[in-house]
Amino acid sequence: RGCLPRFPAFALWTLLAVTLVTVLIGALSPPLNYDTLSYHLGIPKEYIRYRKIFYLPHQVYSNFPFTLEMLYLLSLLLTGDILAKLVHLSFGVLTVAAVYAFGRRHFGSRTALLASAILFNIPLVGFLSITAYIDLGVTLYGFLALVGMVNWFYSGKRKDLLVSAIFTGLAMGTKYTAILFFF
């Protein structure tokens, strides 16, 4: 029955756990990526250094949306760059959990578990999970905007449309290309 192969749930849960431990180890290491050092954390460090948010004429990326970087600024103020990486990892974990919850509601727990395991084991997701980039935040916000839209489509409730609008706004405040979620 169905087109999905029969993966034992235990194997998929184990795969998710191993993936989480692996990316957690990577997220606990110091940041080395150019984008992380030059602007995702570099610009918030400048704001901290000068104790204000200001225009940086030498850094074009400081003109981009900065929703997630403001969380990184808070992380830098609290403990440092490792917490910023853990914040980004948490967006990935929350996206996997949201995919599981959505999949379980609409397609059943077996399909939800398989979709979650596939998502978390995409190499790019693994790489992004150990960085302080913004892409997993955009992914979570975009997916939750889609969930809100699907819920609104089936329920017709204004609150579901509002949820979709809020997460669309958060996504667009994180990265310019997220404007596609609006359309």
Protein backbone atom coordinates (compact mmCIF):
# COMPACT_ATOMS: atom_id res chain seq x y z
CA ARG A 1 0.00 0.00 0.00
CA GLY A 2 1.29 3.42 -0.94
CA CYS A 3 4.46 4.32 -2.75
CA LEU A 4 6.69 4.93 0.28
CA PRO A 5 9.10 2.21 1.29
CA ARG A 6 8.58 0.76 4.76
CA PHE A 7 11.34 2.25 6.88
CA PRO A 8 11.20 1.16 10.49
CA ALA A 9 10.32 4.14 12.68
CA PHE A 10 13.15 3.27 15.05
CA ALA A 11 15.68 3.60 12.23
CA LEU A 12 14.36 7.02 11.21
CA TRP A 13 14.29 8.29 14.81
CA THR A 14 17.84 7.02 15.23
CA LEU A 15 18.90 8.78 12.03
CA LEU A 16 17.37 12.03 13.28
CA ALA A 17 19.15 11.66 16.64
CA VAL A 18 22.53 10.92 15.03
CA THR A 19 22.12 13.88 12.69
CA LEU A 20 21.23 16.16 15.59
CA VAL A 21 24.28 15.07 17.61
CA THR A 22 26.52 15.50 14.57
CA VAL A 23 25.36 19.03 13.77
CA LEU A 24 25.39 19.96 17.45
CA ILE A 25 29.08 19.06 17.62
CA GLY A 26 29.69 21.24 14.56
CA ALA A 27 27.65 24.11 16.01
CA LEU A 28 29.74 24.04 19.19
CA SER A 29 32.93 24.77 17.26
CA PRO A 30 34.12 28.33 16.59
CA PRO A 31 32.78 29.98 13.41
CA LEU A 32 35.09 29.82 10.40
CA ASN A 33 32.84 30.72 7.46
CA TYR A 34 33.54 33.96 5.60
CA ASP A 35 29.89 35.09 5.55
CA THR A 36 29.50 34.41 9.26
CA LEU A 37 32.64 36.29 10.22
CA SER A 38 32.33 39.20 7.79
CA TYR A 39 28.71 40.16 8.21
CA HIS A 40 26.28 37.78 9.96
CA LEU A 41 28.32 38.17 13.15
CA GLY A 42 30.78 40.85 12.01
CA ILE A 43 28.21 43.61 11.64
CA PRO A 44 26.50 42.91 14.99
CA LYS A 45 30.00 42.97 16.57
CA GLU A 46 30.47 46.45 15.10
CA TYR A 47 27.16 47.54 16.61
CA ILE A 48 28.30 46.20 19.97
CA ARG A 49 31.71 47.83 19.64
CA TYR A 50 30.22 51.28 19.01
CA ARG A 51 27.15 50.66 21.22
CA LYS A 52 24.69 51.63 18.51
CA ILE A 53 23.15 50.47 15.26
CA PHE A 54 24.46 52.65 12.48
CA TYR A 55 25.19 52.78 8.76
CA LEU A 56 28.41 51.02 7.76
CA PRO A 57 29.50 52.52 4.42
CA HIS A 58 32.27 49.95 3.95
CA GLN A 59 29.92 46.96 4.38
CA VAL A 60 27.19 46.65 1.73
CA TYR A 61 25.59 43.73 3.60
CA SER A 62 24.70 46.02 6.49
CA ASN A 63 21.93 47.35 4.23
CA PHE A 64 20.25 43.94 4.00
CA PRO A 65 17.34 42.85 6.22
CA PHE A 66 18.71 42.01 9.66
CA THR A 67 15.97 40.23 11.64
CA LEU A 68 18.06 37.15 12.46
CA GLU A 69 21.28 39.08 12.93
CA MET A 70 19.59 40.99 15.75
CA LEU A 71 19.18 37.64 17.54
CA TYR A 72 22.87 37.07 16.89
CA LEU A 73 23.62 40.49 18.38
CA LEU A 74 21.80 39.41 21.55
CA SER A 75 23.70 36.11 21.52
CA LEU A 76 27.01 37.95 21.21
CA LEU A 77 26.08 40.18 24.11
CA LEU A 78 25.10 37.20 26.28
CA THR A 79 27.84 34.64 25.64
CA GLY A 80 29.42 34.83 22.21
CA ASP A 81 29.48 33.41 18.72
CA ILE A 82 28.77 29.79 19.71
CA LEU A 83 25.33 30.81 21.02
CA ALA A 84 24.65 32.54 17.69
CA LYS A 85 25.45 29.29 15.88
CA LEU A 86 23.16 27.41 18.28
CA VAL A 87 20.38 29.91 17.53
CA HIS A 88 20.69 29.11 13.84
CA LEU A 89 20.76 25.38 14.60
CA SER A 90 17.57 25.80 16.62
CA PHE A 91 15.86 27.23 13.54
CA GLY A 92 16.80 24.07 11.66
CA VAL A 93 15.54 21.81 14.44
CA LEU A 94 12.31 23.80 14.67
CA THR A 95 11.84 23.49 10.91
CA VAL A 96 12.28 19.71 11.12
CA ALA A 97 9.75 19.62 13.99
CA ALA A 98 7.31 21.80 12.02
CA VAL A 99 7.60 19.53 8.98
CA TYR A 100 6.92 16.55 11.23
CA ALA A 101 3.87 18.20 12.84
CA PHE A 102 2.45 19.33 9.51
CA GLY A 103 3.13 15.97 7.87
CA ARG A 104 1.58 14.03 10.75
CA ARG A 105 -1.55 16.14 10.63
CA HIS A 106 -2.04 15.88 6.87
CA PHE A 107 -0.29 12.66 5.80
CA GLY A 108 0.22 10.44 8.85
CA SER A 109 3.09 9.87 11.25
CA ARG A 110 5.09 7.53 9.01
CA THR A 111 5.21 10.01 6.15
CA ALA A 112 5.92 12.87 8.56
CA LEU A 113 8.85 11.01 10.08
CA LEU A 114 10.30 10.16 6.68
CA ALA A 115 9.92 13.77 5.47
CA SER A 116 11.62 15.08 8.62
CA ALA A 117 14.50 12.63 8.30
CA ILE A 118 14.99 13.48 4.64
CA LEU A 119 14.94 17.23 5.32
CA PHE A 120 17.42 17.09 8.20
CA ASN A 121 19.81 14.91 6.20
CA ILE A 122 19.99 17.10 3.12
CA PRO A 123 23.70 18.02 3.03
CA LEU A 124 22.99 21.76 2.71
CA VAL A 125 20.74 21.67 5.78
CA GLY A 126 23.50 19.91 7.71
CA PHE A 127 26.03 22.52 6.62
CA LEU A 128 23.72 25.42 7.45
CA SER A 129 22.98 23.90 10.86
CA ILE A 130 26.56 24.44 11.99
CA THR A 131 26.82 28.06 10.83
CA ALA A 132 25.47 31.43 11.93
CA TYR A 133 23.83 32.15 8.58
CA ILE A 134 20.18 33.16 8.10
CA ASP A 135 18.87 30.55 5.69
CA LEU A 136 17.33 28.19 8.25
CA GLY A 137 15.46 31.13 9.76
CA VAL A 138 14.04 32.00 6.36
CA THR A 139 13.17 28.33 5.85
CA LEU A 140 11.31 28.11 9.15
CA TYR A 141 9.47 31.39 8.66
CA GLY A 142 8.58 30.51 5.06
CA PHE A 143 7.35 27.06 5.99
CA LEU A 144 5.23 28.41 8.85
CA ALA A 145 3.80 31.03 6.46
CA LEU A 146 2.83 28.18 4.14
CA VAL A 147 1.30 26.23 7.03
CA GLY A 148 -0.74 29.28 8.01
CA MET A 149 -1.93 29.66 4.42
CA VAL A 150 -2.89 25.96 4.17
CA ASN A 151 -4.74 26.19 7.49
CA TRP A 152 -6.55 29.32 6.30
CA PHE A 153 -7.48 27.60 3.04
CA TYR A 154 -9.16 24.76 4.94
CA SER A 155 -10.57 26.69 7.90
CA GLY A 156 -11.32 30.13 6.46
CA LYS A 157 -10.35 31.60 9.83
CA ARG A 158 -8.81 35.04 9.75
CA LYS A 159 -6.29 34.11 12.48
CA ASP A 160 -4.70 31.50 10.20
CA LEU A 161 -4.25 34.13 7.49
CA LEU A 162 -2.76 36.48 10.09
CA VAL A 163 -0.28 33.78 11.16
CA SER A 164 0.73 33.39 7.53
CA ALA A 165 1.18 37.14 7.16
CA ILE A 166 3.29 37.42 10.31
CA PHE A 167 5.65 34.65 9.25
CA THR A 168 5.85 36.05 5.72
CA GLY A 169 6.88 39.39 7.23
CA LEU A 170 9.50 37.72 9.43
CA ALA A 171 10.89 35.88 6.40
CA MET A 172 11.06 39.08 4.34
CA GLY A 173 12.73 40.84 7.27
CA THR A 174 15.42 38.19 7.23
CA LYS A 175 16.31 37.97 3.54
CA TYR A 176 15.21 39.90 0.45
CA THR A 177 14.50 36.80 -1.62
CA ALA A 178 11.81 35.81 0.89
CA ILE A 179 9.53 38.32 -0.84
CA LEU A 180 8.56 35.32 -2.98
CA PHE A 181 6.59 34.01 0.03
CA PHE A 182 4.42 37.12 -0.24
CA PHE A 183 3.36 36.22 -3.75
